[in-house]
Amino acid sequence: MSKVNVSQHKLQPGQQIPNNPTLPVLYYPQAMAAESKLADKFKQVFEQNNWHGTWINGVFDYHHYHSKSHEVLGVAAGSAKVILGGPSGELFNLEAGDVVVLPAGTGHCLLSSSSDFKIVGAYPKGQENYDICTEKDDMAAKVRNIAKVPLPTHDPIAGVDGPLMHIWH
């Protein structure tokens, strides 16, 4: 795979969304070329790079996070405005071909999307039993979970030599 562009976004904890205390969100703009079978291609690349439990859907329209797993989201079709980090977080305008890697604890919420918006999600091997946490959960307990989540063994797009391996490790 050719060189992958990535930007890092360190999100501060909110009142009820912990975000990750040490790991930044990784944003890969146009990680893959938009094409008709992009969902299948994302699933294949994620699985090859040891990210499993793939699914195809959208993003919930309420603030939530996962305290037991990291998550990768690949935009397979359409576009969306997603806020990461909780209600006072950072707005991302995502479009087909973009990828976002969310470290455990990162809040995410769909604000709006095109009618054809579709994403592929996956989790590092062994973290497929993710939880869905909201602002109503006991954040102290969730922060303890987040601290125990192991780092992935591969970047979901570029494998063992990808940006995630250099930034998160």
N, C-alpha and C. Protein backbone atom coordinates (compact mmCIF):
# COMPACT_ATOMS: atom_id res chain seq x y z
N MET A 1 0.85 -1.18 0.00
CA MET A 1 0.00 0.00 0.00
C MET A 1 0.90 1.24 0.00
N SER A 2 0.48 2.26 -0.70
CA SER A 2 1.26 3.50 -0.77
C SER A 2 1.23 4.22 0.58
N LYS A 3 2.05 5.26 0.68
CA LYS A 3 2.13 6.03 1.92
C LYS A 3 0.75 6.54 2.32
N VAL A 4 0.45 6.41 3.60
CA VAL A 4 -0.85 6.81 4.12
C VAL A 4 -0.70 8.13 4.86
N ASN A 5 -1.52 9.12 4.52
CA ASN A 5 -1.53 10.39 5.25
C ASN A 5 -2.41 10.24 6.48
N VAL A 6 -1.97 10.81 7.58
CA VAL A 6 -2.74 10.73 8.81
C VAL A 6 -2.53 12.00 9.62
N SER A 7 -3.61 12.43 10.29
CA SER A 7 -3.47 13.54 11.24
C SER A 7 -3.91 13.04 12.61
N GLN A 8 -3.30 13.62 13.64
CA GLN A 8 -3.58 13.24 15.02
C GLN A 8 -4.45 14.30 15.68
N HIS A 9 -5.40 13.83 16.50
CA HIS A 9 -6.31 14.75 17.19
C HIS A 9 -6.45 14.29 18.64
N LYS A 10 -5.79 15.01 19.54
CA LYS A 10 -5.87 14.69 20.96
C LYS A 10 -7.09 15.37 21.55
N LEU A 11 -8.03 14.59 22.04
CA LEU A 11 -9.29 15.12 22.57
C LEU A 11 -9.26 15.14 24.09
N GLN A 12 -9.70 16.24 24.65
CA GLN A 12 -9.72 16.40 26.10
C GLN A 12 -10.93 15.68 26.69
N PRO A 13 -10.82 15.21 27.92
CA PRO A 13 -11.98 14.57 28.55
C PRO A 13 -13.11 15.58 28.76
N GLY A 14 -14.33 15.08 28.65
CA GLY A 14 -15.50 15.91 28.91
C GLY A 14 -16.10 15.53 30.25
N GLN A 15 -17.22 16.14 30.57
CA GLN A 15 -17.86 15.83 31.85
C GLN A 15 -18.31 14.37 31.93
N GLN A 16 -18.85 13.83 30.85
CA GLN A 16 -19.33 12.46 30.89
C GLN A 16 -18.78 11.58 29.76
N ILE A 17 -17.88 12.13 28.94
CA ILE A 17 -17.21 11.37 27.89
C ILE A 17 -15.72 11.42 28.21
N PRO A 18 -15.10 10.28 28.54
CA PRO A 18 -13.72 10.32 29.00
C PRO A 18 -12.69 10.64 27.93
N ASN A 19 -12.94 10.22 26.68
CA ASN A 19 -11.92 10.24 25.63
C ASN A 19 -10.72 9.44 26.13
N ASN A 20 -9.68 9.39 25.38
CA ASN A 20 -8.55 8.57 25.80
C ASN A 20 -7.48 9.48 26.39
N PRO A 21 -6.96 9.14 27.58
CA PRO A 21 -6.01 10.03 28.25
C PRO A 21 -4.64 10.10 27.57
N THR A 22 -4.30 9.12 26.74
CA THR A 22 -2.95 9.11 26.15
C THR A 22 -2.92 9.00 24.62
N LEU A 23 -3.92 8.39 24.01
CA LEU A 23 -3.88 8.13 22.57
C LEU A 23 -4.72 9.12 21.78
N PRO A 24 -4.19 9.65 20.68
CA PRO A 24 -4.97 10.55 19.85
C PRO A 24 -5.86 9.79 18.86
N VAL A 25 -6.93 10.43 18.42
CA VAL A 25 -7.71 9.96 17.29
C VAL A 25 -6.82 10.09 16.06
N LEU A 26 -6.89 9.12 15.16
CA LEU A 26 -6.13 9.19 13.91
C LEU A 26 -7.11 9.33 12.76
N TYR A 27 -6.89 10.34 11.93
CA TYR A 27 -7.76 10.60 10.78
C TYR A 27 -6.95 10.42 9.50
N TYR A 28 -7.41 9.52 8.66
CA TYR A 28 -6.75 9.20 7.39
C TYR A 28 -7.67 9.71 6.26
N PRO A 29 -7.46 10.94 5.79
CA PRO A 29 -8.31 11.43 4.70
C PRO A 29 -8.01 10.66 3.41
N GLN A 30 -9.07 10.24 2.75
CA GLN A 30 -8.95 9.52 1.47
C GLN A 30 -7.93 8.38 1.54
N ALA A 31 -8.05 7.57 2.58
CA ALA A 31 -7.17 6.41 2.74
C ALA A 31 -7.36 5.41 1.61
N MET A 32 -8.57 5.38 1.06
CA MET A 32 -8.88 4.51 -0.07
C MET A 32 -9.68 5.30 -1.09
N ALA A 33 -9.49 4.96 -2.34
CA ALA A 33 -10.23 5.62 -3.41
C ALA A 33 -11.70 5.23 -3.34
N ALA A 34 -12.58 6.20 -3.48
CA ALA A 34 -14.02 5.92 -3.49
C ALA A 34 -14.35 5.10 -4.73
N GLU A 35 -15.01 3.99 -4.53
CA GLU A 35 -15.40 3.11 -5.62
C GLU A 35 -16.67 2.36 -5.23
N SER A 36 -17.25 1.66 -6.16
CA SER A 36 -18.56 1.03 -5.91
C SER A 36 -18.51 -0.07 -4.86
N LYS A 37 -17.44 -0.80 -4.73
CA LYS A 37 -17.36 -1.89 -3.76
C LYS A 37 -16.42 -1.54 -2.60
N LEU A 38 -16.46 -0.27 -2.19
CA LEU A 38 -15.56 0.19 -1.15
C LEU A 38 -15.81 -0.51 0.19
N ALA A 39 -17.06 -0.81 0.52
CA ALA A 39 -17.35 -1.51 1.79
C ALA A 39 -16.62 -2.85 1.83
N ASP A 40 -16.68 -3.60 0.74
CA ASP A 40 -15.99 -4.89 0.69
C ASP A 40 -14.48 -4.71 0.82
N LYS A 41 -13.96 -3.68 0.17
CA LYS A 41 -12.52 -3.43 0.23
C LYS A 41 -12.10 -3.07 1.66
N PHE A 42 -12.87 -2.20 2.33
CA PHE A 42 -12.55 -1.88 3.73
C PHE A 42 -12.56 -3.13 4.58
N LYS A 43 -13.59 -3.95 4.45
CA LYS A 43 -13.66 -5.17 5.25
C LYS A 43 -12.44 -6.05 5.02
N GLN A 44 -12.05 -6.20 3.77
CA GLN A 44 -10.90 -7.03 3.43
C GLN A 44 -9.62 -6.47 4.03
N VAL A 45 -9.38 -5.18 3.87
CA VAL A 45 -8.16 -4.56 4.38
C VAL A 45 -8.12 -4.61 5.91
N PHE A 46 -9.23 -4.29 6.56
CA PHE A 46 -9.28 -4.35 8.02
C PHE A 46 -8.95 -5.76 8.51
N GLU A 47 -9.60 -6.76 7.94
CA GLU A 47 -9.37 -8.16 8.36
C GLU A 47 -7.92 -8.58 8.12
N GLN A 48 -7.36 -8.20 6.96
CA GLN A 48 -5.96 -8.53 6.66
C GLN A 48 -5.01 -7.92 7.68
N ASN A 49 -5.42 -6.79 8.25
CA ASN A 49 -4.57 -6.09 9.20
C ASN A 49 -4.97 -6.33 10.65
N ASN A 50 -5.64 -7.46 10.89
CA ASN A 50 -5.94 -7.94 12.25
C ASN A 50 -6.97 -7.10 13.00
N TRP A 51 -7.89 -6.45 12.25
CA TRP A 51 -9.03 -5.76 12.84
C TRP A 51 -10.26 -6.56 12.41
N HIS A 52 -11.03 -7.03 13.37
CA HIS A 52 -12.10 -8.00 13.10
C HIS A 52 -13.46 -7.51 13.59
N GLY A 53 -14.45 -8.41 13.52
CA GLY A 53 -15.81 -8.07 13.93
C GLY A 53 -16.41 -7.01 13.03
N THR A 54 -16.05 -7.02 11.75
CA THR A 54 -16.50 -5.97 10.83
C THR A 54 -18.01 -5.93 10.70
N TRP A 55 -18.51 -4.75 10.52
CA TRP A 55 -19.94 -4.51 10.32
C TRP A 55 -20.11 -3.33 9.37
N ILE A 56 -21.28 -3.24 8.76
CA ILE A 56 -21.60 -2.14 7.85
C ILE A 56 -22.90 -1.51 8.35
N ASN A 57 -22.87 -0.19 8.57
CA ASN A 57 -24.05 0.51 9.05
C ASN A 57 -23.78 2.01 8.98
N GLY A 58 -24.13 2.72 10.05
CA GLY A 58 -23.89 4.15 10.17
C GLY A 58 -23.27 4.44 11.53
N VAL A 59 -23.42 5.65 12.02
CA VAL A 59 -22.95 6.04 13.35
C VAL A 59 -24.18 6.46 14.15
N PHE A 60 -24.25 6.04 15.41
CA PHE A 60 -25.38 6.43 16.25
C PHE A 60 -25.46 7.95 16.34
N ASP A 61 -26.70 8.46 16.44
CA ASP A 61 -26.90 9.91 16.52
C ASP A 61 -26.98 10.40 17.97
N TYR A 62 -26.29 9.71 18.85
CA TYR A 62 -26.14 10.16 20.24
C TYR A 62 -24.68 9.93 20.64
N HIS A 63 -24.21 10.69 21.61
CA HIS A 63 -22.82 10.58 22.06
C HIS A 63 -22.63 9.25 22.78
N HIS A 64 -21.66 8.50 22.32
CA HIS A 64 -21.34 7.22 22.93
C HIS A 64 -19.85 6.94 22.73
N TYR A 65 -19.36 5.92 23.44
CA TYR A 65 -17.96 5.52 23.34
C TYR A 65 -17.85 4.07 23.75
N HIS A 66 -16.68 3.50 23.52
CA HIS A 66 -16.41 2.11 23.88
C HIS A 66 -15.27 2.09 24.90
N SER A 67 -15.49 1.45 26.03
CA SER A 67 -14.46 1.43 27.07
C SER A 67 -13.62 0.16 27.03
N LYS A 68 -14.00 -0.80 26.19
CA LYS A 68 -13.29 -2.08 26.15
C LYS A 68 -12.62 -2.36 24.80
N SER A 69 -12.64 -1.38 23.91
CA SER A 69 -12.04 -1.61 22.59
C SER A 69 -11.74 -0.31 21.86
N HIS A 70 -10.76 -0.40 20.99
CA HIS A 70 -10.50 0.66 20.02
C HIS A 70 -11.42 0.35 18.84
N GLU A 71 -11.64 1.32 17.95
CA GLU A 71 -12.53 1.10 16.82
C GLU A 71 -12.01 1.84 15.59
N VAL A 72 -12.14 1.21 14.42
CA VAL A 72 -11.83 1.88 13.16
C VAL A 72 -13.13 2.04 12.40
N LEU A 73 -13.30 3.20 11.77
CA LEU A 73 -14.47 3.48 10.93
C LEU A 73 -13.98 3.90 9.56
N GLY A 74 -14.42 3.18 8.53
CA GLY A 74 -14.09 3.52 7.15
C GLY A 74 -15.35 3.95 6.43
N VAL A 75 -15.34 5.14 5.86
CA VAL A 75 -16.53 5.64 5.16
C VAL A 75 -16.61 4.97 3.79
N ALA A 76 -17.61 4.11 3.63
CA ALA A 76 -17.76 3.32 2.41
C ALA A 76 -18.60 4.02 1.35
N ALA A 77 -19.46 4.96 1.77
CA ALA A 77 -20.31 5.68 0.81
C ALA A 77 -20.81 6.96 1.47
N GLY A 78 -21.07 7.95 0.65
CA GLY A 78 -21.68 9.19 1.12
C GLY A 78 -20.76 10.05 1.94
N SER A 79 -21.38 10.88 2.77
CA SER A 79 -20.63 11.81 3.62
C SER A 79 -21.41 12.05 4.91
N ALA A 80 -20.70 12.56 5.92
CA ALA A 80 -21.34 12.82 7.21
C ALA A 80 -20.56 13.85 8.00
N LYS A 81 -21.27 14.51 8.90
CA LYS A 81 -20.66 15.36 9.91
C LYS A 81 -20.75 14.58 11.21
N VAL A 82 -19.59 14.30 11.79
CA VAL A 82 -19.51 13.51 13.01
C VAL A 82 -18.73 14.33 14.03
N ILE A 83 -19.22 14.36 15.26
CA ILE A 83 -18.49 15.04 16.32
C ILE A 83 -17.78 13.98 17.17
N LEU A 84 -16.50 14.18 17.36
CA LEU A 84 -15.69 13.26 18.15
C LEU A 84 -15.27 13.95 19.44
N GLY A 85 -15.38 13.23 20.54
CA GLY A 85 -14.93 13.77 21.81
C GLY A 85 -16.02 14.23 22.74
N GLY A 86 -17.29 14.05 22.37
CA GLY A 86 -18.40 14.49 23.21
C GLY A 86 -19.00 15.78 22.71
N PRO A 87 -20.01 16.31 23.42
CA PRO A 87 -20.74 17.49 22.97
C PRO A 87 -19.87 18.71 22.65
N SER A 88 -18.77 18.88 23.33
CA SER A 88 -17.89 20.02 23.04
C SER A 88 -16.63 19.57 22.30
N GLY A 89 -16.74 18.46 21.57
CA GLY A 89 -15.59 17.89 20.87
C GLY A 89 -15.29 18.56 19.54
N GLU A 90 -14.66 17.79 18.65
CA GLU A 90 -14.18 18.29 17.36
C GLU A 90 -15.06 17.75 16.23
N LEU A 91 -15.46 18.63 15.32
CA LEU A 91 -16.29 18.26 14.19
C LEU A 91 -15.43 17.72 13.05
N PHE A 92 -15.83 16.58 12.49
CA PHE A 92 -15.15 15.99 11.35
C PHE A 92 -16.16 15.88 10.21
N ASN A 93 -15.76 16.36 9.04
CA ASN A 93 -16.56 16.19 7.82
C ASN A 93 -15.96 15.00 7.08
N LEU A 94 -16.65 13.87 7.14
CA LEU A 94 -16.13 12.63 6.57
C LEU A 94 -16.79 12.35 5.23
N GLU A 95 -16.01 11.76 4.32
CA GLU A 95 -16.57 11.38 3.02
C GLU A 95 -15.99 10.04 2.60
N ALA A 96 -16.60 9.45 1.58
CA ALA A 96 -16.20 8.13 1.12
C ALA A 96 -14.68 8.06 0.92
N GLY A 97 -14.08 7.03 1.48
CA GLY A 97 -12.64 6.81 1.41
C GLY A 97 -11.90 7.21 2.66
N ASP A 98 -12.51 8.03 3.53
CA ASP A 98 -11.87 8.46 4.78
C ASP A 98 -11.92 7.35 5.82
N VAL A 99 -10.95 7.37 6.72
CA VAL A 99 -10.88 6.43 7.83
C VAL A 99 -10.59 7.21 9.11
N VAL A 100 -11.23 6.80 10.20
CA VAL A 100 -10.96 7.37 11.51
C VAL A 100 -10.71 6.22 12.47
N VAL A 101 -9.62 6.30 13.23
CA VAL A 101 -9.34 5.30 14.27
C VAL A 101 -9.59 5.97 15.61
N LEU A 102 -10.51 5.38 16.37
CA LEU A 102 -10.92 5.92 17.67
C LEU A 102 -10.30 5.09 18.78
N PRO A 103 -9.42 5.68 19.59
CA PRO A 103 -8.93 4.93 20.74
C PRO A 103 -10.06 4.71 21.74
N ALA A 104 -9.97 3.67 22.52
CA ALA A 104 -10.98 3.38 23.53
C ALA A 104 -11.28 4.63 24.34
N GLY A 105 -12.58 4.88 24.57
CA GLY A 105 -13.01 6.04 25.35
C GLY A 105 -13.41 7.24 24.53
N THR A 106 -13.15 7.21 23.22
CA THR A 106 -13.43 8.38 22.37
C THR A 106 -14.92 8.49 22.07
N GLY A 107 -15.52 9.59 22.46
CA GLY A 107 -16.92 9.84 22.15
C GLY A 107 -17.10 10.09 20.67
N HIS A 108 -18.22 9.60 20.13
CA HIS A 108 -18.55 9.86 18.73
C HIS A 108 -20.06 9.90 18.57
N CYS A 109 -20.50 10.80 17.65
CA CYS A 109 -21.93 11.04 17.45
C CYS A 109 -22.15 11.59 16.05
N LEU A 110 -23.13 11.05 15.36
CA LEU A 110 -23.50 11.54 14.03
C LEU A 110 -24.35 12.79 14.18
N LEU A 111 -23.94 13.87 13.50
CA LEU A 111 -24.74 15.10 13.49
C LEU A 111 -25.66 15.14 12.27
N SER A 112 -25.12 14.77 11.11
CA SER A 112 -25.92 14.72 9.89
C SER A 112 -25.18 13.88 8.86
N SER A 113 -25.92 13.41 7.85
CA SER A 113 -25.28 12.60 6.82
C SER A 113 -26.08 12.66 5.53
N SER A 114 -25.42 12.29 4.44
CA SER A 114 -26.11 12.14 3.17
C SER A 114 -26.96 10.86 3.25
N SER A 115 -27.93 10.75 2.40
CA SER A 115 -28.84 9.60 2.45
C SER A 115 -28.14 8.28 2.15
N ASP A 116 -27.01 8.33 1.46
CA ASP A 116 -26.30 7.10 1.11
C ASP A 116 -25.12 6.80 2.05
N PHE A 117 -25.00 7.54 3.17
CA PHE A 117 -23.89 7.35 4.09
C PHE A 117 -23.85 5.92 4.62
N LYS A 118 -22.64 5.35 4.56
CA LYS A 118 -22.43 3.99 5.05
C LYS A 118 -20.99 3.87 5.52
N ILE A 119 -20.79 3.25 6.68
CA ILE A 119 -19.44 3.01 7.17
C ILE A 119 -19.22 1.54 7.44
N VAL A 120 -17.95 1.17 7.47
CA VAL A 120 -17.52 -0.16 7.88
C VAL A 120 -16.75 0.04 9.17
N GLY A 121 -17.14 -0.69 10.20
CA GLY A 121 -16.44 -0.62 11.48
C GLY A 121 -15.75 -1.93 11.79
N ALA A 122 -14.71 -1.87 12.63
CA ALA A 122 -14.00 -3.07 13.06
C ALA A 122 -13.21 -2.75 14.33
N TYR A 123 -12.70 -3.81 14.95
CA TYR A 123 -11.99 -3.71 16.22
C TYR A 123 -10.75 -4.57 16.18
N PRO A 124 -9.71 -4.21 16.92
CA PRO A 124 -8.52 -5.06 16.94
C PRO A 124 -8.89 -6.48 17.39
N LYS A 125 -8.18 -7.45 16.84
CA LYS A 125 -8.44 -8.85 17.20
C LYS A 125 -8.45 -8.99 18.72
N GLY A 126 -9.48 -9.67 19.23
CA GLY A 126 -9.63 -9.87 20.66
C GLY A 126 -10.47 -8.81 21.35
N GLN A 127 -10.82 -7.73 20.61
CA GLN A 127 -11.62 -6.65 21.19
C GLN A 127 -13.00 -6.54 20.54
N GLU A 128 -13.45 -7.61 19.88
CA GLU A 128 -14.71 -7.58 19.15
C GLU A 128 -15.93 -7.50 20.07
N ASN A 129 -15.78 -7.82 21.34
CA ASN A 129 -16.89 -7.73 22.31
C ASN A 129 -16.90 -6.34 22.95
N TYR A 130 -17.11 -5.34 22.12
CA TYR A 130 -17.10 -3.96 22.57
C TYR A 130 -18.35 -3.66 23.39
N ASP A 131 -18.28 -2.63 24.19
CA ASP A 131 -19.44 -2.14 24.93
C ASP A 131 -19.87 -0.81 24.33
N ILE A 132 -21.09 -0.41 24.59
CA ILE A 132 -21.58 0.90 24.16
C ILE A 132 -21.89 1.69 25.42
N CYS A 133 -21.11 2.72 25.66
CA CYS A 133 -21.24 3.54 26.86
C CYS A 133 -21.78 4.92 26.47
N THR A 134 -22.57 5.50 27.36
CA THR A 134 -23.12 6.83 27.13
C THR A 134 -22.81 7.73 28.33
N GLU A 135 -23.30 8.94 28.24
CA GLU A 135 -23.09 9.91 29.30
C GLU A 135 -23.73 9.49 30.62
N LYS A 136 -24.61 8.49 30.57
CA LYS A 136 -25.30 8.02 31.78
C LYS A 136 -24.49 6.98 32.55
N ASP A 137 -23.42 6.45 31.93
CA ASP A 137 -22.62 5.41 32.59
C ASP A 137 -21.70 5.99 33.64
N ASP A 138 -21.26 5.14 34.57
CA ASP A 138 -20.30 5.51 35.61
C ASP A 138 -18.94 5.71 34.95
N MET A 139 -18.55 6.95 34.74
CA MET A 139 -17.34 7.23 33.98
C MET A 139 -16.09 6.71 34.69
N ALA A 140 -16.04 6.74 36.00
CA ALA A 140 -14.85 6.26 36.73
C ALA A 140 -14.59 4.78 36.41
N ALA A 141 -15.64 3.98 36.39
CA ALA A 141 -15.50 2.56 36.07
C ALA A 141 -15.04 2.38 34.63
N LYS A 142 -15.58 3.19 33.72
CA LYS A 142 -15.22 3.08 32.31
C LYS A 142 -13.78 3.50 32.07
N VAL A 143 -13.30 4.51 32.80
CA VAL A 143 -11.91 4.95 32.68
C VAL A 143 -10.97 3.81 33.10
N ARG A 144 -11.35 3.05 34.12
CA ARG A 144 -10.53 1.89 34.54
C ARG A 144 -10.48 0.85 33.41
N ASN A 145 -11.61 0.64 32.73
CA ASN A 145 -11.62 -0.29 31.58
C ASN A 145 -10.69 0.21 30.48
N ILE A 146 -10.79 1.50 30.15
CA ILE A 146 -9.99 2.08 29.06
C ILE A 146 -8.50 1.85 29.30
N ALA A 147 -8.06 2.00 30.54
CA ALA A 147 -6.64 1.84 30.87
C ALA A 147 -6.15 0.42 30.61
N LYS A 148 -7.05 -0.56 30.56
CA LYS A 148 -6.68 -1.97 30.36
C LYS A 148 -6.71 -2.42 28.90
N VAL A 149 -7.21 -1.57 28.00
CA VAL A 149 -7.35 -1.98 26.60
C VAL A 149 -5.96 -2.06 25.95
N PRO A 150 -5.60 -3.24 25.44
CA PRO A 150 -4.28 -3.36 24.81
C PRO A 150 -4.19 -2.63 23.48
N LEU A 151 -2.97 -2.25 23.12
CA LEU A 151 -2.75 -1.59 21.84
C LEU A 151 -2.90 -2.59 20.70
N PRO A 152 -3.36 -2.14 19.55
CA PRO A 152 -3.47 -3.03 18.39
C PRO A 152 -2.09 -3.50 17.93
N THR A 153 -2.07 -4.64 17.25
CA THR A 153 -0.82 -5.18 16.71
C THR A 153 -0.55 -4.69 15.29
N HIS A 154 -1.57 -4.08 14.65
CA HIS A 154 -1.45 -3.60 13.28
C HIS A 154 -2.23 -2.30 13.10
N ASP A 155 -1.76 -1.45 12.21
CA ASP A 155 -2.54 -0.32 11.73
C ASP A 155 -3.65 -0.91 10.86
N PRO A 156 -4.91 -0.43 10.97
CA PRO A 156 -6.00 -1.06 10.22
C PRO A 156 -5.90 -0.89 8.70
N ILE A 157 -5.14 0.09 8.25
CA ILE A 157 -5.00 0.35 6.81
C ILE A 157 -3.64 -0.12 6.29
N ALA A 158 -2.57 0.17 7.01
CA ALA A 158 -1.23 -0.06 6.48
C ALA A 158 -0.45 -1.15 7.21
N GLY A 159 -1.08 -1.91 8.10
CA GLY A 159 -0.42 -3.06 8.71
C GLY A 159 0.62 -2.72 9.76
N VAL A 160 1.62 -3.59 9.85
CA VAL A 160 2.60 -3.51 10.94
C VAL A 160 3.51 -2.29 10.87
N ASP A 161 3.63 -1.67 9.70
CA ASP A 161 4.48 -0.49 9.57
C ASP A 161 3.66 0.78 9.39
N GLY A 162 2.36 0.72 9.64
CA GLY A 162 1.49 1.86 9.44
C GLY A 162 1.63 2.93 10.51
N PRO A 163 1.03 4.09 10.26
CA PRO A 163 1.14 5.23 11.18
C PRO A 163 0.72 4.93 12.62
N LEU A 164 -0.33 4.16 12.81
CA LEU A 164 -0.79 3.85 14.16
C LEU A 164 0.33 3.20 14.98
N MET A 165 1.09 2.34 14.34
CA MET A 165 2.15 1.62 15.06
C MET A 165 3.23 2.58 15.55
N HIS A 166 3.47 3.64 14.84
CA HIS A 166 4.51 4.61 15.23
C HIS A 166 3.95 5.66 16.20
N ILE A 167 2.67 6.01 16.05
CA ILE A 167 2.08 7.06 16.88
C ILE A 167 1.60 6.53 18.22
N TRP A 168 0.94 5.38 18.22
CA TRP A 168 0.37 4.87 19.46
C TRP A 168 1.36 4.04 20.29
N HIS A 169 2.39 3.50 19.68
CA HIS A 169 3.30 2.60 20.43
C HIS A 169 4.51 3.33 20.96
